C-alpha atoms as a PDB file:
ATOM      1  CA  MET A   1      77.597  30.472 -53.291  1.00  0.00           C
ATOM      2  CA  PRO A   2      75.149  31.551 -56.058  1.00  0.00           C
ATOM      3  CA  ASP A   3      77.532  34.472 -56.681  1.00  0.00           C
ATOM      4  CA  TYR A   4      80.308  31.932 -57.285  1.00  0.00           C
ATOM      5  CA  LEU A   5      78.151  30.133 -59.865  1.00  0.00           C
ATOM      6  CA  LYS A   6      77.449  33.443 -61.591  1.00  0.00           C
ATOM      7  CA  MET A   7      81.157  34.288 -61.629  1.00  0.00           C
ATOM      8  CA  MET A   8      82.053  30.907 -63.162  1.00  0.00           C
ATOM      9  CA  GLU A   9      79.361  31.362 -65.810  1.00  0.00           C
ATOM     10  CA  GLU A  10      80.783  34.786 -66.656  1.00  0.00           C
ATOM     11  CA  ILE A  11      84.277  33.300 -66.933  1.00  0.00           C
ATOM     12  CA  ALA A  12      82.874  30.572 -69.187  1.00  0.00           C
ATOM     13  CA  TRP A  13      81.144  33.148 -71.409  1.00  0.00           C
ATOM     14  CA  GLU A  14      84.343  35.174 -71.710  1.00  0.00           C
ATOM     15  CA  THR A  15      86.377  32.076 -72.539  1.00  0.00           C
ATOM     16  CA  HIS A  16      83.843  31.069 -75.188  1.00  0.00           C
ATOM     17  CA  PHE A  17      83.761  34.586 -76.650  1.00  0.00           C
ATOM     18  CA  ASP A  18      87.548  34.447 -77.140  1.00  0.00           C
ATOM     19  CA  THR A  19      87.752  30.866 -78.424  1.00  0.00           C
ATOM     20  CA  THR A  20      84.241  29.493 -79.315  1.00  0.00           C
ATOM     21  CA  CYS A  21      85.291  26.577 -77.115  1.00  0.00           C
ATOM     22  CA  PHE A  22      81.845  25.306 -76.149  1.00  0.00           C
ATOM     23  CA  LYS A  23      80.216  25.008 -79.564  1.00  0.00           C
ATOM     24  CA  ILE A  24      80.345  21.399 -80.756  1.00  0.00           C
ATOM     25  CA  GLN A  25      80.420  21.345 -84.557  1.00  0.00           C
ATOM     26  CA  ASN A  26      81.772  17.885 -85.353  1.00  0.00           C
ATOM     27  CA  LYS A  27      79.843  15.477 -83.152  1.00  0.00           C
ATOM     28  CA  ALA A  28      80.721  11.789 -83.237  1.00  0.00           C
ATOM     29  CA  SER A  29      77.202  10.614 -82.291  1.00  0.00           C
ATOM     30  CA  PRO A  30      73.628  11.837 -83.013  1.00  0.00           C
ATOM     31  CA  ARG A  31      73.613  13.932 -79.823  1.00  0.00           C
ATOM     32  CA  PRO A  32      76.640  15.966 -78.696  1.00  0.00           C
ATOM     33  CA  GLN A  33      78.400  14.438 -75.692  1.00  0.00           C
ATOM     34  CA  ILE A  34      80.046  16.551 -72.970  1.00  0.00           C
ATOM     35  CA  LEU A  35      82.319  15.416 -70.124  1.00  0.00           C
ATOM     36  CA  ASP A  36      83.066  17.738 -67.197  1.00  0.00           C
ATOM     37  CA  MET A  37      85.792  16.329 -64.961  1.00  0.00           C
ATOM     38  CA  GLY A  38      85.112  18.787 -62.113  1.00  0.00           C
ATOM     39  CA  MET A  39      81.746  20.388 -62.657  1.00  0.00           C
ATOM     40  CA  ALA A  40      80.723  22.041 -59.343  1.00  0.00           C
ATOM     41  CA  PRO A  41      79.299  24.584 -59.024  1.00  0.00           C
ATOM     42  CA  GLY A  42      78.358  23.964 -62.660  1.00  0.00           C
ATOM     43  CA  GLY A  43      79.092  27.252 -64.418  1.00  0.00           C
ATOM     44  CA  PHE A  44      81.126  25.891 -67.326  1.00  0.00           C
ATOM     45  CA  LEU A  45      78.801  22.957 -67.966  1.00  0.00           C
ATOM     46  CA  SER A  46      75.791  25.273 -67.834  1.00  0.00           C
ATOM     47  CA  ILE A  47      77.200  27.498 -70.589  1.00  0.00           C
ATOM     48  CA  ALA A  48      78.344  24.492 -72.642  1.00  0.00           C
ATOM     49  CA  LEU A  49      74.784  23.125 -72.569  1.00  0.00           C
ATOM     50  CA  LYS A  50      73.386  26.495 -73.660  1.00  0.00           C
ATOM     51  CA  HIS A  51      75.490  26.246 -76.809  1.00  0.00           C
ATOM     52  CA  ASN A  52      74.528  22.612 -77.443  1.00  0.00           C
ATOM     53  CA  ARG A  53      70.816  22.307 -76.700  1.00  0.00           C
ATOM     54  CA  GLU A  54      70.589  18.631 -77.665  1.00  0.00           C
ATOM     55  CA  ALA A  55      73.667  17.559 -75.748  1.00  0.00           C
ATOM     56  CA  GLN A  56      74.012  14.881 -73.108  1.00  0.00           C
ATOM     57  CA  ALA A  57      76.494  15.471 -70.306  1.00  0.00           C
ATOM     58  CA  PHE A  58      78.452  13.380 -67.829  1.00  0.00           C
ATOM     59  CA  GLY A  59      80.090  15.091 -64.882  1.00  0.00           C
ATOM     60  CA  PHE A  60      82.208  14.389 -61.819  1.00  0.00           C
ATOM     61  CA  SER A  61      82.260  16.485 -58.663  1.00  0.00           C
ATOM     62  CA  LEU A  62      84.094  16.065 -55.374  1.00  0.00           C
ATOM     63  CA  PRO A  63      81.498  15.530 -52.609  1.00  0.00           C
ATOM     64  CA  VAL A  64      80.839  18.509 -50.349  1.00  0.00           C
ATOM     65  CA  SER A  65      81.657  16.263 -47.380  1.00  0.00           C
ATOM     66  CA  ASP A  66      85.188  15.912 -48.796  1.00  0.00           C
ATOM     67  CA  GLY A  67      85.609  19.648 -49.316  1.00  0.00           C
ATOM     68  CA  GLY A  68      84.051  19.946 -52.774  1.00  0.00           C
ATOM     69  CA  TYR A  69      81.798  22.740 -53.963  1.00  0.00           C
ATOM     70  CA  GLU A  70      78.022  22.519 -53.935  1.00  0.00           C
ATOM     71  CA  ILE A  71      76.384  21.738 -57.292  1.00  0.00           C
ATOM     72  CA  LEU A  72      74.160  24.730 -58.028  1.00  0.00           C
ATOM     73  CA  VAL A  73      72.813  24.032 -61.517  1.00  0.00           C
ATOM     74  CA  LYS A  74      69.353  22.525 -61.891  1.00  0.00           C
ATOM     75  CA  LYS A  75      69.077  18.759 -62.267  1.00  0.00           C
ATOM     76  CA  ARG A  76      68.038  17.540 -65.702  1.00  0.00           C
ATOM     77  CA  PRO A  77      67.578  14.041 -67.165  1.00  0.00           C
ATOM     78  CA  ASP A  78      70.233  14.463 -69.851  1.00  0.00           C
ATOM     79  CA  VAL A  79      72.977  15.250 -67.315  1.00  0.00           C
ATOM     80  CA  VAL A  80      74.515  12.439 -65.235  1.00  0.00           C
ATOM     81  CA  ILE A  81      76.493  13.614 -62.219  1.00  0.00           C
ATOM     82  CA  LYS A  82      78.704  11.382 -60.082  1.00  0.00           C
ATOM     83  CA  GLU A  83      80.057  12.755 -56.825  1.00  0.00           C
ATOM     84  CA  LEU A  84      83.501  11.267 -56.323  1.00  0.00           C
ATOM     85  CA  ASP A  85      87.226  12.014 -56.301  1.00  0.00           C
ATOM     86  CA  VAL A  86      88.595  11.754 -59.862  1.00  0.00           C
ATOM     87  CA  THR A  87      92.097  11.104 -58.526  1.00  0.00           C
ATOM     88  CA  MET A  88      90.918   7.686 -57.298  1.00  0.00           C
ATOM     89  CA  LEU A  89      89.717   6.325 -60.670  1.00  0.00           C
ATOM     90  CA  ALA A  90      92.466   3.725 -61.038  1.00  0.00           C
ATOM     91  CA  ALA A  91      90.229   1.246 -62.897  1.00  0.00           C
ATOM     92  CA  ASP A  92      89.191   3.801 -65.526  1.00  0.00           C
ATOM     93  CA  LEU A  93      92.828   4.757 -65.951  1.00  0.00           C
ATOM     94  CA  GLY A  94      93.442   1.118 -66.826  1.00  0.00           C
ATOM     95  CA  ILE A  95      95.978   0.610 -64.058  1.00  0.00           C
ATOM     96  CA  ASP A  96      95.325  -2.830 -62.629  1.00  0.00           C
ATOM     97  CA  ASP A  97      98.386  -3.442 -60.448  1.00  0.00           C
ATOM     98  CA  MET A  98      97.174  -1.189 -57.638  1.00  0.00           C
ATOM     99  CA  PRO A  99      96.550  -1.973 -53.960  1.00  0.00           C
ATOM    100  CA  GLU A 100      92.989  -1.662 -52.659  1.00  0.00           C
ATOM    101  CA  GLU A 101      93.822   1.619 -50.949  1.00  0.00           C
ATOM    102  CA  SER A 102      96.133   4.552 -51.530  1.00  0.00           C
ATOM    103  CA  PRO A 103      98.906   5.233 -48.969  1.00  0.00           C
ATOM    104  CA  ASP A 104      96.594   7.697 -47.185  1.00  0.00           C
ATOM    105  CA  GLY A 105      93.892   5.031 -46.735  1.00  0.00           C
ATOM    106  CA  ARG A 106      91.414   6.125 -49.416  1.00  0.00           C
ATOM    107  CA  PRO A 107      89.974   3.278 -51.526  1.00  0.00           C
ATOM    108  CA  PHE A 108      90.419   3.273 -55.286  1.00  0.00           C
ATOM    109  CA  LEU A 109      87.153   3.337 -57.229  1.00  0.00           C
ATOM    110  CA  SER A 110      85.566   0.910 -59.684  1.00  0.00           C
ATOM    111  CA  ARG A 111      84.935   1.824 -63.323  1.00  0.00           C
ATOM    112  CA  GLN A 112      82.629   4.799 -63.857  1.00  0.00           C
ATOM    113  CA  PHE A 113      82.684   5.092 -67.662  1.00  0.00           C
ATOM    114  CA  ALA A 114      80.742   2.724 -69.902  1.00  0.00           C
ATOM    115  CA  PRO A 115      82.778   0.665 -72.401  1.00  0.00           C
ATOM    116  CA  GLY A 116      83.418   2.732 -75.515  1.00  0.00           C
ATOM    117  CA  GLN A 117      81.922   5.890 -74.007  1.00  0.00           C
ATOM    118  CA  ARG A 118      83.225   8.941 -75.887  1.00  0.00           C
ATOM    119  CA  PHE A 119      82.750  12.703 -75.705  1.00  0.00           C
ATOM    120  CA  ASP A 120      82.948  15.586 -78.179  1.00  0.00           C
ATOM    121  CA  LEU A 121      83.871  18.181 -75.551  1.00  0.00           C
ATOM    122  CA  VAL A 122      85.886  17.550 -72.396  1.00  0.00           C
ATOM    123  CA  ILE A 123      86.210  20.177 -69.662  1.00  0.00           C
ATOM    124  CA  CYS A 124      89.056  19.716 -67.162  1.00  0.00           C
ATOM    125  CA  GLY A 125      88.536  22.423 -64.562  1.00  0.00           C
ATOM    126  CA  CYS A 126      89.346  20.663 -61.295  1.00  0.00           C
ATOM    127  CA  SER A 127      91.514  22.449 -58.779  1.00  0.00           C
ATOM    128  CA  ILE A 128      92.724  21.563 -55.296  1.00  0.00           C
ATOM    129  CA  VAL A 129      90.212  22.586 -52.640  1.00  0.00           C
ATOM    130  CA  ARG A 130      91.371  23.771 -49.250  1.00  0.00           C
ATOM    131  CA  ASP A 131      89.420  21.207 -47.227  1.00  0.00           C
ATOM    132  CA  HIS A 132      90.405  18.207 -49.348  1.00  0.00           C
ATOM    133  CA  PRO A 133      91.885  15.548 -46.987  1.00  0.00           C
ATOM    134  CA  VAL A 134      95.311  15.509 -48.596  1.00  0.00           C
ATOM    135  CA  LEU A 135      98.100  13.446 -47.101  1.00  0.00           C
ATOM    136  CA  ILE A 136     100.078  13.118 -50.322  1.00  0.00           C
ATOM    137  CA  VAL A 137     102.201  16.171 -51.107  1.00  0.00           C
ATOM    138  CA  ARG A 138     101.774  15.821 -54.866  1.00  0.00           C
ATOM    139  CA  GLU A 139      97.963  15.957 -54.897  1.00  0.00           C
ATOM    140  CA  GLY A 140      97.980  18.697 -57.520  1.00  0.00           C
ATOM    141  CA  CYS A 141     100.086  16.501 -59.783  1.00  0.00           C
ATOM    142  CA  ARG A 142      97.685  13.582 -59.310  1.00  0.00           C
ATOM    143  CA  LEU A 143      94.680  15.751 -60.075  1.00  0.00           C
ATOM    144  CA  ARG A 144      96.152  17.209 -63.257  1.00  0.00           C
ATOM    145  CA  ALA A 145      97.421  13.867 -64.527  1.00  0.00           C
ATOM    146  CA  SER A 146      94.172  11.974 -63.861  1.00  0.00           C
ATOM    147  CA  GLN A 147      92.022  14.665 -65.494  1.00  0.00           C
ATOM    148  CA  LEU A 148      94.147  14.868 -68.618  1.00  0.00           C
ATOM    149  CA  ALA A 149      94.626  11.116 -69.022  1.00  0.00           C
ATOM    150  CA  LEU A 150      90.942  10.280 -68.532  1.00  0.00           C
ATOM    151  CA  GLY A 151      89.718  13.258 -70.542  1.00  0.00           C
ATOM    152  CA  LEU A 152      91.902  12.672 -73.592  1.00  0.00           C
ATOM    153  CA  GLN A 153      91.350   8.915 -73.393  1.00  0.00           C
ATOM    154  CA  ARG A 154      87.571   9.460 -73.649  1.00  0.00           C
ATOM    155  CA  LEU A 155      87.638  12.262 -76.238  1.00  0.00           C
ATOM    156  CA  SER A 156      86.381  11.492 -79.735  1.00  0.00           C
ATOM    157  CA  SER A 157      89.021  12.229 -82.364  1.00  0.00           C
ATOM    158  CA  GLY A 158      88.524  15.772 -83.628  1.00  0.00           C
ATOM    159  CA  GLY A 159      86.910  16.929 -80.385  1.00  0.00           C
ATOM    160  CA  LYS A 160      87.664  19.844 -78.067  1.00  0.00           C
ATOM    161  CA  MET A 161      89.265  20.111 -74.645  1.00  0.00           C
ATOM    162  CA  VAL A 162      89.081  23.040 -72.225  1.00  0.00           C
ATOM    163  CA  VAL A 163      91.702  22.747 -69.481  1.00  0.00           C
ATOM    164  CA  LEU A 164      92.434  24.920 -66.452  1.00  0.00           C
ATOM    165  CA  PHE A 165      96.164  25.429 -65.930  1.00  0.00           C
ATOM    166  CA  HIS A 166      98.253  27.338 -63.403  1.00  0.00           C
ATOM    167  CA  LYS A 167     101.681  28.972 -63.644  1.00  0.00           C
ATOM    168  CA  LEU A 168     102.465  29.293 -67.325  1.00  0.00           C
ATOM    169  CA  GLU A 169     106.179  29.382 -66.529  1.00  0.00           C
ATOM    170  CA  ALA A 170     106.135  25.983 -64.743  1.00  0.00           C
ATOM    171  CA  TRP A 171     107.761  23.045 -66.518  1.00  0.00           C
ATOM    172  CA  ASP A 172     104.740  20.742 -66.184  1.00  0.00           C
ATOM    173  CA  THR A 173     102.507  23.400 -67.759  1.00  0.00           C
ATOM    174  CA  LEU A 174     104.877  24.050 -70.662  1.00  0.00           C
ATOM    175  CA  LEU A 175     105.272  20.328 -71.248  1.00  0.00           C
ATOM    176  CA  ASP A 176     101.513  19.745 -71.368  1.00  0.00           C
ATOM    177  CA  LEU A 177     100.967  22.650 -73.780  1.00  0.00           C
ATOM    178  CA  TYR A 178     103.722  21.213 -75.970  1.00  0.00           C
ATOM    179  CA  ARG A 179     102.062  17.813 -75.880  1.00  0.00           C
ATOM    180  CA  PHE A 180      98.681  19.198 -76.939  1.00  0.00           C
ATOM    181  CA  SER A 181     100.273  21.171 -79.772  1.00  0.00           C
ATOM    182  CA  ARG A 182     101.523  17.901 -81.276  1.00  0.00           C
ATOM    183  CA  PHE A 183      98.095  16.313 -81.731  1.00  0.00           C
ATOM    184  CA  SER A 184      95.686  19.270 -81.947  1.00  0.00           C
ATOM    185  CA  ASP A 185      94.733  21.385 -84.946  1.00  0.00           C
ATOM    186  CA  LYS A 186      94.746  24.517 -82.795  1.00  0.00           C
ATOM    187  CA  VAL A 187      95.748  25.424 -79.239  1.00  0.00           C
ATOM    188  CA  GLN A 188      94.625  28.730 -77.718  1.00  0.00           C
ATOM    189  CA  LEU A 189      95.193  30.267 -74.301  1.00  0.00           C
ATOM    190  CA  CYS A 190      92.615  32.444 -72.570  1.00  0.00           C
ATOM    191  CA  LYS A 191      93.078  34.560 -69.445  1.00  0.00           C
ATOM    192  CA  PRO A 192      89.591  35.725 -68.358  1.00  0.00           C
ATOM    193  CA  GLU A 193      89.388  39.171 -66.792  1.00  0.00           C
ATOM    194  CA  THR A 194      86.051  38.344 -65.153  1.00  0.00           C
ATOM    195  CA  GLY A 195      85.782  37.480 -61.477  1.00  0.00           C
ATOM    196  CA  THR A 196      87.215  38.852 -58.275  1.00  0.00           C
ATOM    197  CA  GLY A 197      91.001  38.703 -58.539  1.00  0.00           C
ATOM    198  CA  HIS A 198      90.962  36.054 -61.279  1.00  0.00           C
ATOM    199  CA  ASP A 199      93.018  38.173 -63.666  1.00  0.00           C
ATOM    200  CA  LYS A 200      95.747  38.665 -61.039  1.00  0.00           C
ATOM    201  CA  ARG A 201      96.215  34.958 -60.380  1.00  0.00           C
ATOM    202  CA  SER A 202      98.394  32.546 -62.328  1.00  0.00           C
ATOM    203  CA  SER A 203      95.451  30.536 -63.668  1.00  0.00           C
ATOM    204  CA  PHE A 204      94.400  30.451 -67.322  1.00  0.00           C
ATOM    205  CA  TYR A 205      92.540  28.170 -69.718  1.00  0.00           C
ATOM    206  CA  MET A 206      93.844  26.170 -72.639  1.00  0.00           C
ATOM    207  CA  VAL A 207      91.401  25.447 -75.450  1.00  0.00           C
ATOM    208  CA  ALA A 208      92.483  22.696 -77.843  1.00  0.00           C
ATOM    209  CA  THR A 209      90.367  22.127 -80.959  1.00  0.00           C
ATOM    210  CA  GLY A 210      90.598  19.375 -83.522  1.00  0.00           C
ATOM    211  CA  VAL A 211      92.236  17.130 -80.934  1.00  0.00           C
ATOM    212  CA  ARG A 212      93.391  13.935 -82.641  1.00  0.00           C
ATOM    213  CA  SER A 213      93.043  11.664 -79.641  1.00  0.00           C
ATOM    214  CA  ASP A 214      93.943   8.599 -81.718  1.00  0.00           C
ATOM    215  CA  LYS A 215      97.326   9.926 -82.876  1.00  0.00           C
ATOM    216  CA  LEU A 216     100.453   8.251 -81.544  1.00  0.00           C
ATOM    217  CA  GLU A 217     101.509  11.488 -79.825  1.00  0.00           C
ATOM    218  CA  ALA A 218      98.162  11.618 -77.994  1.00  0.00           C
ATOM    219  CA  LEU A 219      98.399   7.989 -76.924  1.00  0.00           C
ATOM    220  CA  ASP A 220     101.938   8.614 -75.677  1.00  0.00           C
ATOM    221  CA  ALA A 221     100.721  11.627 -73.685  1.00  0.00           C
ATOM    222  CA  ILE A 222      97.972   9.544 -72.068  1.00  0.00           C
ATOM    223  CA  GLU A 223     100.476   6.905 -70.989  1.00  0.00           C
ATOM    224  CA  SER A 224     102.830   9.588 -69.638  1.00  0.00           C
ATOM    225  CA  TRP A 225     100.041  11.099 -67.528  1.00  0.00           C
ATOM    226  CA  LYS A 226      99.057   7.655 -66.249  1.00  0.00           C
ATOM    227  CA  ASP A 227     102.648   6.976 -65.212  1.00  0.00           C
ATOM    228  CA  LEU A 228     102.818  10.377 -63.539  1.00  0.00           C
ATOM    229  CA  TRP A 229      99.568   9.734 -61.659  1.00  0.00           C
ATOM    230  CA  LYS A 230     100.790   6.346 -60.458  1.00  0.00           C
ATOM    231  CA  ALA A 231     104.115   7.762 -59.297  1.00  0.00           C
ATOM    232  CA  ALA A 232     102.457  10.684 -57.502  1.00  0.00           C
ATOM    233  CA  THR A 233      99.997   8.282 -55.860  1.00  0.00           C
ATOM    234  CA  LEU A 234     102.192   5.377 -54.758  1.00  0.00           C
ATOM    235  CA  ASP A 235     105.788   6.588 -54.832  1.00  0.00           C
ATOM    236  CA  ILE A 236     107.002   7.056 -51.283  1.00  0.00           C
ATOM    237  CA  ASP A 237     110.778   7.178 -51.731  1.00  0.00           C
ATOM    238  CA  GLY A 238     110.846   9.149 -55.002  1.00  0.00           C
ATOM    239  CA  LYS A 239     112.381   6.431 -57.206  1.00  0.00           C
ATOM    240  CA  LEU A 240     109.318   5.923 -59.404  1.00  0.00           C
ATOM    241  CA  MET A 241     108.819   9.663 -59.859  1.00  0.00           C
ATOM    242  CA  LYS A 242     112.455  10.020 -60.931  1.00  0.00           C
ATOM    243  CA  GLU A 243     111.943   7.316 -63.563  1.00  0.00           C
ATOM    244  CA  VAL A 244     108.882   9.154 -64.896  1.00  0.00           C
ATOM    245  CA  ARG A 245     110.720  12.475 -65.019  1.00  0.00           C
ATOM    246  CA  ASP A 246     113.691  10.881 -66.778  1.00  0.00           C
ATOM    247  CA  GLU A 247     111.367   9.774 -69.595  1.00  0.00           C
ATOM    248  CA  GLU A 248     110.147  13.325 -70.264  1.00  0.00           C
ATOM    249  CA  PRO A 249     111.581  15.219 -73.250  1.00  0.00           C
ATOM    250  CA  ALA A 250     114.470  17.576 -72.604  1.00  0.00           C
ATOM    251  CA  VAL A 251     113.807  21.276 -72.136  1.00  0.00           C
ATOM    252  CA  GLN A 252     115.796  21.987 -75.313  1.00  0.00           C
ATOM    253  CA  THR A 253     113.537  19.646 -77.294  1.00  0.00           C
ATOM    254  CA  VAL A 254     110.361  21.318 -76.060  1.00  0.00           C
ATOM    255  CA  LEU A 255     111.571  24.879 -76.575  1.00  0.00           C
ATOM    256  CA  GLY A 256     113.305  24.073 -79.845  1.00  0.00           C
ATOM    257  CA  GLY A 257     110.133  22.851 -81.507  1.00  0.00           C
ATOM    258  CA  PHE A 258     107.621  24.923 -79.594  1.00  0.00           C
ATOM    259  CA  GLY A 259     109.337  28.056 -78.294  1.00  0.00           C
ATOM    260  CA  ASP A 260     108.293  30.508 -81.029  1.00  0.00           C
ATOM    261  CA  LYS A 261     104.693  29.312 -80.988  1.00  0.00           C
ATOM    262  CA  LEU A 262     104.678  29.463 -77.197  1.00  0.00           C
ATOM    263  CA  LYS A 263     105.794  33.115 -77.192  1.00  0.00           C
ATOM    264  CA  ASP A 264     102.824  34.058 -79.354  1.00  0.00           C
ATOM    265  CA  MET A 265     100.431  32.058 -77.177  1.00  0.00           C
ATOM    266  CA  ILE A 266     101.516  33.438 -73.815  1.00  0.00           C
ATOM    267  CA  ARG A 267     101.719  37.111 -74.743  1.00  0.00           C
ATOM    268  CA  LYS A 268      98.046  37.884 -74.036  1.00  0.00           C
ATOM    269  CA  VAL A 269      97.968  35.804 -70.833  1.00  0.00           C
ATOM    270  CA  TRP A 270     100.876  37.612 -69.220  1.00  0.00           C
ATOM    271  CA  SER A 271      99.761  40.973 -70.582  1.00  0.00           C
ATOM    272  CA  THR A 272      96.356  40.563 -68.911  1.00  0.00           C
ATOM    273  CA  GLN A 273      97.909  39.490 -65.615  1.00  0.00           C
ATOM    274  CA  ALA A 274     100.511  42.277 -65.671  1.00  0.00           C
ATOM    275  CA  LYS A 275      97.825  44.895 -66.294  1.00  0.00           C
ATOM    276  CA  ALA A 276      95.694  43.583 -63.417  1.00  0.00           C
ATOM    277  CA  LEU A 277      98.640  43.488 -61.008  1.00  0.00           C
ATOM    278  CA  LYS A 278      99.659  47.021 -61.974  1.00  0.00           C
ATOM    279  CA  GLU A 279      96.127  48.307 -61.402  1.00  0.00           C
ATOM    280  CA  ALA A 280      96.010  46.540 -58.033  1.00  0.00           C
ATOM    281  CA  LEU A 281      99.250  48.258 -56.968  1.00  0.00           C
ATOM    282  CA  VAL A 282      97.853  51.645 -57.974  1.00  0.00           C
ATOM    283  CA  ILE A 283      94.625  51.029 -56.042  1.00  0.00           C
ATOM    284  CA  ASN A 284      96.522  49.892 -52.943  1.00  0.00           C
ATOM    285  CA  SER A 285      98.789  52.938 -53.055  1.00  0.00           C
ATOM    286  CA  ILE A 286      95.757  55.239 -53.265  1.00  0.00           C
ATOM    287  CA  LYS A 287      94.144  53.531 -50.262  1.00  0.00           C
ATOM    288  CA  LYS A 288      97.285  54.092 -48.220  1.00  0.00           C
END
């Protein structure tokens, strides 16, 4: 497991080298504030704290007993860690008309954030873990929507967000990149080459800087993610999910206003992945 922490720290360093994502320059309070929505093993938060020595941090991590990773960074008084499932934070999402339990029997959680709590840097790096007790097919959708809604909702205007995405060609990914482009000063994509097999996978990081979390477009995005989370959590027959999807912008609208910018953004991501896959094929052919 320590090797996994080292790998995540190397990925964080590479991402920062490409984007300067972890340096907080415009803090909204005397001490920089960092939120990590899925911190274990702690590699990204560790590097973020190295670049912001005076920062305070607040992190969530799925308990090991539920299939989460072990937290490997040293405990420190300026870092608050809560071990819980971020997909169950209905109260913090502001959704009050929820049953006590989800359809799979897991209880929804009480509020975890303090009133008015804001952050200058938000890291959304959660991913589905193999041992997570998932009975809802759309768990990945719930995880993405809850991270983005809570993260943007708690981000100080002008702050930064670092988000792990998968499958650049997927509609949900394109739609979220389009959304961020509408209320951020700059959106960059980074495909780290560090780590065993990381460059061959579909994953990549989005770094949004100058995120205007108080803009109407940002507020609309938050509400859309909340609706998506609720539909993915409670919708059994598919009717609620269809209503949510019907409210999304048309593909022509997204590509018409974002297509050219998207082509420039994705070029390096796919180039890195294509190179890694080609090298893997060559290596495999030599072994044979």
